[in-house]
Every structure is written in C-alpha cells, then in structure tokens.
Amino acid sequence: MNKTRTSLFHLVSVAAAILFLFPLAWAVVSSLRSPEDARSGDLLPAAFSFGNYTRLAEYGIGLLGYSWNSLFTAVLTVAGTVVVCTLAGYGFSRYTFRGKKPLFVVILAILMVPYATMLLPLYILLRNLGLQDSLVGLALVMIMFQLPFGILIMRNAFDSVPVELEEAALLDGCGPVKALRHVSLRIVTPGIVTIALFAFLASWNEFLAPLIFLNDGDKYTLPIMLVNVRSGTFGEIDYGALQAGVVVAMIPCLVLYLVLQRYYVSGLLNGALRG
C-alpha cells in the first residue's frame, strides 16, 4: 500500500514538474528560432539560430546596458529594503513606545492601498527631490513598496528569537549593537534572505514604475526594453526577440531562487506565518 502511494506521489510530482517546466522550455526553444520560424507556429524549430539574441544586443544601448540598469536598481532596492526592514522589525519587536501598535497597523494598511494610486504622489515627491528620471529615485520607490511586507516578516522573525539570548550576550560584555549582530541577526537570517529575494524579484520584474519615473531611454530597465523591442517590421510582434528577452530576464530569478530556496521557505514559515 505504501509503495503504491509512493509511486502515485512520484507520478503526480513528475506530471506537475513537466507542467511547470514546459513554459520555460517553450520560451528557450522559441528564443532560438529564426524570426520567420517563430511565426510559423510549428512545435519544433526548423533550425536553431542566435539571431534573436543578436538583435537584443544591438537594440538601443544593448542588452548589457539595460540589464545593468535593472541590476543596479535591484541591488539598491535589496540593500535599502534589508537595512530598513531589519532595523524597523527589530524596533517593533524589542522596544515599547507610544503609538507603536497604531503605527504598525498603518504600515500594514499600505498593503491594501492600490498600487497605481501611489504613483502620482511619488512622482511629485521625486520631482521635488530632484530624483525624477533617476535609477536611485526608482530604487527608493521600489524600497517603499517593499517596506510593509518586509517589516512584518522581520518583526515576526525577531519575535521568534528569545530575549534571553541577547541578555546573555550583554552579560558577556557585548553592547546592544554587537548582541544584535552576533546573536539575533544570525538567527533571523532566513527572514532577511526572504525579504531580499522578494525585493530583488519585485524590482527586477517591475514594469509600471520604470515606465512612469524614467524618461531617458538609456536608463530604461529590462522590462521596458522588452516592450519596445517586440515591435518588428511593419508593427508585427517579434516573438523571437521577445522570447529571447524573457529567457534573459528569468535567468537571474531562477538562479537566485534555486540557491536561496531553503532560506526562503524557512523565512516564510518563521516570519509570515507567525503572529
């Protein structure tokens, strides 16, 4: 009976894996078709070609230029999100101050505000700060969007760390900063990795915010480039170039998820599902 259940479980798992991997394999195969072959609709390409990737490399400032803009924005977003959310989560978990609960509720309420309604106020704010049409300004916007979820994760992660561990570190001669760095941060590492992964994926794949806050074509990110490059001759959609761009865009996301998935799962379990 157990062998039957195990075999059925493996069969369902293999079927689910094929179902989820098929779109990825289809995108890779389609990216290697010639432009004419991509429009044919045949399941297998007549011949493999790297012409679509060549077109991406020669478009605008080039594939590397747009990828660099996306990477620069994503790295700033991850760094800012991790620092702010870690300190804020520690503060909400360890300190008592007036208005603590209402402030935390207000932060979480931002999750319920429609995304698009915040873009106009942010646009005006960035213009007043002189950060409009800037990748740094775009990163600040992306950090703001990540704060509610990140602070929730980190507050719950620090709640799971016994206060007695930090008190023992203080008795051993550590200051508050050393106790935080050497004791608590090591325990909440899965939570930090989780919010960093979420921040990277959100920034890397974001389309609407760069479209609104960036005007200079040389500062466009990868998603904006994919929309612009999809128009082929006489307005036809260039499916081959589009699929090649999708393959390039998904590689960092897949690599990061595969490398950090064990932290991602434990971070969600210890953070989001607690309290």
Protein backbone atom coordinates (compact mmCIF):
# COMPACT_ATOMS: atom_id res chain seq x y z
CA MET A 1 0.00 0.00 0.00
CA ASN A 2 2.84 2.34 0.94
CA LYS A 3 4.67 1.52 -2.30
CA THR A 4 1.53 2.33 -4.27
CA ARG A 5 1.16 5.70 -2.53
CA THR A 6 4.83 6.47 -3.07
CA SER A 7 4.61 5.60 -6.76
CA LEU A 8 1.45 7.69 -7.15
CA PHE A 9 3.14 10.61 -5.37
CA HIS A 10 6.16 10.38 -7.68
CA LEU A 11 3.90 10.15 -10.74
CA VAL A 12 1.94 13.25 -9.75
CA SER A 13 5.18 15.09 -8.90
CA VAL A 14 6.69 14.30 -12.30
CA ALA A 15 3.50 15.41 -14.07
CA ALA A 16 3.44 18.67 -12.08
CA ALA A 17 7.14 19.26 -12.84
CA ILE A 18 6.55 18.77 -16.57
CA LEU A 19 3.55 21.08 -16.43
CA PHE A 20 5.54 23.88 -14.76
CA LEU A 21 8.73 23.38 -16.79
CA PHE A 22 7.00 23.28 -20.18
CA PRO A 23 6.54 27.10 -20.45
CA LEU A 24 10.22 27.62 -19.60
CA ALA A 25 11.37 25.06 -22.17
CA TRP A 26 9.00 26.58 -24.74
CA ALA A 27 10.46 30.05 -24.14
CA VAL A 28 14.04 28.77 -24.56
CA VAL A 29 13.21 26.88 -27.78
CA SER A 30 11.26 29.82 -29.19
CA SER A 31 14.14 32.19 -28.46
CA LEU A 32 16.38 30.04 -30.69
CA ARG A 33 14.05 30.19 -33.70
CA SER A 34 14.68 32.48 -36.64
CA PRO A 35 12.16 35.38 -36.95
CA GLU A 36 10.41 33.62 -39.83
CA ASP A 37 10.36 30.31 -38.00
CA ALA A 38 8.95 31.93 -34.86
CA ARG A 39 5.84 32.99 -36.79
CA SER A 40 5.27 29.53 -38.29
CA GLY A 41 3.65 28.05 -35.17
CA ASP A 42 5.50 24.71 -35.58
CA LEU A 43 6.30 22.91 -32.34
CA LEU A 44 9.97 22.34 -33.20
CA PRO A 45 12.17 24.88 -34.99
CA ALA A 46 13.48 24.11 -38.49
CA ALA A 47 16.93 25.35 -37.38
CA PHE A 48 18.47 26.91 -34.30
CA SER A 49 19.66 30.49 -34.51
CA PHE A 50 21.03 33.10 -32.10
CA GLY A 51 19.67 35.92 -34.27
CA ASN A 52 17.13 36.96 -31.64
CA TYR A 53 19.85 37.40 -29.01
CA THR A 54 21.93 39.36 -31.54
CA ARG A 55 19.00 41.72 -32.10
CA LEU A 56 18.70 42.28 -28.35
CA ALA A 57 22.42 43.00 -28.10
CA GLU A 58 22.21 45.59 -30.90
CA TYR A 59 18.99 47.30 -29.76
CA GLY A 60 19.33 50.74 -28.12
CA ILE A 61 22.15 50.75 -25.55
CA GLY A 62 22.36 46.96 -25.86
CA LEU A 63 21.20 44.05 -23.74
CA LEU A 64 24.04 44.52 -21.25
CA GLY A 65 23.17 48.19 -20.76
CA TYR A 66 19.51 47.53 -19.98
CA SER A 67 20.45 44.55 -17.79
CA TRP A 68 22.87 46.75 -15.88
CA ASN A 69 20.12 49.34 -15.24
CA SER A 70 17.85 46.60 -13.90
CA LEU A 71 20.63 45.07 -11.79
CA PHE A 72 21.70 48.45 -10.36
CA THR A 73 18.13 49.27 -9.35
CA ALA A 74 17.54 45.78 -7.92
CA VAL A 75 20.74 45.83 -5.84
CA LEU A 76 19.89 49.25 -4.37
CA THR A 77 16.36 48.05 -3.66
CA VAL A 78 17.60 44.92 -1.90
CA ALA A 79 20.17 46.82 0.17
CA GLY A 80 17.72 49.54 1.24
CA THR A 81 14.92 47.07 1.95
CA VAL A 82 17.11 44.80 4.08
CA VAL A 83 18.57 47.64 6.17
CA VAL A 84 15.30 49.50 6.78
CA CYS A 85 13.15 46.40 7.36
CA THR A 86 15.69 44.76 9.67
CA LEU A 87 16.06 47.83 11.89
CA ALA A 88 12.33 48.57 11.85
CA GLY A 89 11.43 44.96 12.57
CA TYR A 90 13.89 44.88 15.49
CA GLY A 91 12.44 48.11 16.87
CA PHE A 92 8.85 46.89 16.67
CA SER A 93 9.82 43.57 18.26
CA ARG A 94 12.09 44.73 21.09
CA TYR A 95 11.05 48.25 22.10
CA THR A 96 7.88 49.70 23.60
CA PHE A 97 6.95 53.25 22.62
CA ARG A 98 3.84 55.39 22.37
CA GLY A 99 1.77 54.74 19.26
CA LYS A 100 3.60 51.50 18.46
CA LYS A 101 0.52 49.44 17.56
CA PRO A 102 -1.27 52.17 15.52
CA LEU A 103 1.95 52.86 13.62
CA PHE A 104 2.38 49.18 12.80
CA VAL A 105 -1.23 48.94 11.63
CA VAL A 106 -0.75 52.00 9.39
CA ILE A 107 2.34 50.41 7.83
CA LEU A 108 0.46 47.18 7.12
CA ALA A 109 -2.51 49.16 5.75
CA ILE A 110 -0.27 50.33 2.90
CA LEU A 111 -0.59 46.77 1.55
CA MET A 112 -4.29 47.44 0.96
CA VAL A 113 -3.76 50.70 -0.96
CA PRO A 114 -3.98 50.18 -4.74
CA TYR A 115 -0.52 50.26 -6.22
CA ALA A 116 -1.32 52.70 -9.03
CA THR A 117 -2.82 55.35 -6.72
CA MET A 118 0.54 55.96 -5.05
CA LEU A 119 2.46 56.60 -8.25
CA LEU A 120 1.34 60.22 -8.79
CA PRO A 121 2.25 61.42 -5.24
CA LEU A 122 5.57 59.61 -5.53
CA TYR A 123 6.19 61.21 -8.92
CA ILE A 124 5.65 64.69 -7.43
CA LEU A 125 7.83 63.85 -4.42
CA LEU A 126 10.72 62.62 -6.59
CA ARG A 127 10.46 65.70 -8.80
CA ASN A 128 10.72 67.96 -5.73
CA LEU A 129 13.74 65.97 -4.54
CA GLY A 130 15.42 66.19 -7.94
CA LEU A 131 15.36 62.39 -8.29
CA GLN A 132 12.96 62.12 -11.22
CA ASP A 133 14.36 60.21 -14.20
CA SER A 134 16.93 58.65 -11.89
CA LEU A 135 17.66 54.99 -11.12
CA VAL A 136 18.32 55.97 -7.50
CA GLY A 137 14.87 57.57 -7.30
CA LEU A 138 13.33 54.47 -8.88
CA ALA A 139 15.09 52.31 -6.28
CA LEU A 140 13.68 54.47 -3.47
CA VAL A 141 10.19 53.92 -4.86
CA MET A 142 10.74 50.17 -5.02
CA ILE A 143 12.08 50.17 -1.44
CA MET A 144 8.93 51.96 -0.27
CA PHE A 145 6.73 49.30 -1.86
CA GLN A 146 8.66 46.52 -0.08
CA LEU A 147 8.55 48.03 3.43
CA PRO A 148 5.14 46.79 4.73
CA PHE A 149 5.73 43.13 3.91
CA GLY A 150 9.41 43.28 4.89
CA ILE A 151 8.76 44.92 8.28
CA LEU A 152 6.05 42.34 9.02
CA ILE A 153 8.43 39.48 8.21
CA MET A 154 11.30 40.89 10.26
CA ARG A 155 9.18 41.83 13.28
CA ASN A 156 7.83 38.29 13.47
CA ALA A 157 11.30 36.86 12.89
CA PHE A 158 12.76 38.85 15.81
CA ASP A 159 9.76 37.84 17.96
CA SER A 160 10.85 34.23 17.49
CA VAL A 161 14.30 34.97 18.98
CA PRO A 162 14.32 34.59 22.80
CA VAL A 163 15.23 37.84 24.52
CA GLU A 164 17.30 35.81 26.99
CA LEU A 165 19.89 35.15 24.26
CA GLU A 166 20.55 38.87 23.82
CA GLU A 167 20.57 39.39 27.59
CA ALA A 168 23.19 36.64 27.92
CA ALA A 169 25.30 38.36 25.25
CA LEU A 170 25.01 41.65 27.16
CA LEU A 171 26.17 39.93 30.35
CA ASP A 172 29.17 38.57 28.42
CA GLY A 173 30.24 42.09 27.60
CA CYS A 174 28.59 42.70 24.21
CA GLY A 175 26.96 46.06 23.56
CA PRO A 176 23.44 46.24 22.08
CA VAL A 177 24.81 46.52 18.52
CA LYS A 178 27.14 43.53 18.95
CA ALA A 179 24.36 41.50 20.55
CA LEU A 180 22.14 42.26 17.57
CA ARG A 181 24.86 41.48 15.02
CA HIS A 182 26.33 38.34 16.59
CA VAL A 183 23.19 36.76 18.08
CA SER A 184 19.86 37.90 16.65
CA LEU A 185 20.87 38.57 13.04
CA ARG A 186 22.31 35.07 12.67
CA ILE A 187 19.04 33.53 13.82
CA VAL A 188 16.82 35.70 11.60
CA THR A 189 18.99 35.15 8.50
CA PRO A 190 16.19 33.19 6.71
CA GLY A 191 13.86 36.17 7.17
CA ILE A 192 16.48 38.58 5.79
CA VAL A 193 17.07 36.33 2.78
CA THR A 194 13.32 36.11 2.18
CA ILE A 195 12.75 39.86 2.07
CA ALA A 196 15.91 40.31 -0.03
CA LEU A 197 14.65 37.74 -2.54
CA PHE A 198 11.20 39.34 -2.68
CA ALA A 199 12.75 42.80 -3.14
CA PHE A 200 15.02 41.60 -5.96
CA LEU A 201 12.23 39.82 -7.85
CA ALA A 202 9.86 42.78 -7.46
CA SER A 203 12.44 45.29 -8.68
CA TRP A 204 13.83 43.10 -11.48
CA ASN A 205 10.39 42.39 -12.95
CA GLU A 206 8.80 45.80 -12.31
CA PHE A 207 7.36 47.44 -15.41
CA LEU A 208 4.95 50.24 -14.45
CA ALA A 209 7.19 52.23 -12.08
CA PRO A 210 10.17 52.48 -14.50
CA LEU A 211 7.77 53.40 -17.30
CA ILE A 212 6.44 56.35 -15.27
CA PHE A 213 9.54 57.56 -13.42
CA LEU A 214 12.14 57.20 -16.21
CA ASN A 215 12.20 59.40 -19.31
CA ASP A 216 15.71 58.86 -20.67
CA GLY A 217 15.80 55.79 -22.93
CA ASP A 218 19.36 55.00 -21.82
CA LYS A 219 18.06 54.48 -18.26
CA TYR A 220 15.28 52.08 -19.19
CA THR A 221 15.27 48.73 -17.42
CA LEU A 222 14.95 45.29 -18.99
CA PRO A 223 11.11 45.02 -18.89
CA ILE A 224 10.75 48.37 -20.68
CA MET A 225 13.27 47.27 -23.32
CA LEU A 226 11.31 44.06 -23.93
CA VAL A 227 8.13 46.00 -24.66
CA ASN A 228 9.96 48.31 -27.06
CA VAL A 229 11.87 45.57 -28.87
CA ARG A 230 8.84 43.37 -29.52
CA SER A 231 7.71 45.55 -32.44
CA GLY A 232 9.17 44.08 -35.60
CA THR A 233 8.91 45.13 -39.23
CA PHE A 234 5.65 46.97 -40.09
CA GLY A 235 4.47 46.75 -36.49
CA GLU A 236 4.49 42.94 -36.34
CA ILE A 237 5.26 41.46 -32.96
CA ASP A 238 8.74 39.96 -32.96
CA TYR A 239 8.02 36.86 -30.90
CA GLY A 240 11.57 35.54 -31.25
CA ALA A 241 13.20 38.65 -29.78
CA LEU A 242 10.53 38.83 -27.10
CA GLN A 243 11.13 35.22 -26.05
CA ALA A 244 14.89 35.78 -26.04
CA GLY A 245 14.38 38.74 -23.70
CA VAL A 246 12.14 36.65 -21.45
CA VAL A 247 14.84 33.97 -21.22
CA VAL A 248 17.50 36.54 -20.29
CA ALA A 249 15.21 38.17 -17.72
CA MET A 250 14.24 34.93 -15.99
CA ILE A 251 17.77 33.50 -15.60
CA PRO A 252 18.76 35.62 -12.52
CA CYS A 253 15.39 34.93 -10.89
CA LEU A 254 15.73 31.17 -11.35
CA VAL A 255 19.34 31.10 -10.15
CA LEU A 256 18.58 33.14 -7.03
CA TYR A 257 15.54 31.06 -6.17
CA LEU A 258 17.38 27.76 -6.61
CA VAL A 259 20.31 28.96 -4.48
CA LEU A 260 18.22 30.53 -1.70
CA GLN A 261 15.08 28.38 -1.68
CA ARG A 262 15.84 26.71 1.66
CA TYR A 263 16.17 30.12 3.35
CA TYR A 264 13.08 31.33 1.50
CA VAL A 265 10.85 28.54 2.82
CA SER A 266 12.10 28.71 6.41
CA GLY A 267 11.95 32.51 6.37
CA LEU A 268 8.30 32.49 5.37
CA LEU A 269 7.45 29.83 7.94
CA ASN A 270 9.21 31.67 10.79
CA GLY A 271 8.12 35.14 9.72
CA ALA A 272 4.93 35.49 7.76
CA LEU A 273 3.05 32.61 9.37
CA ARG A 274 3.90 33.64 12.93
CA GLY A 275 1.80 36.07 14.93
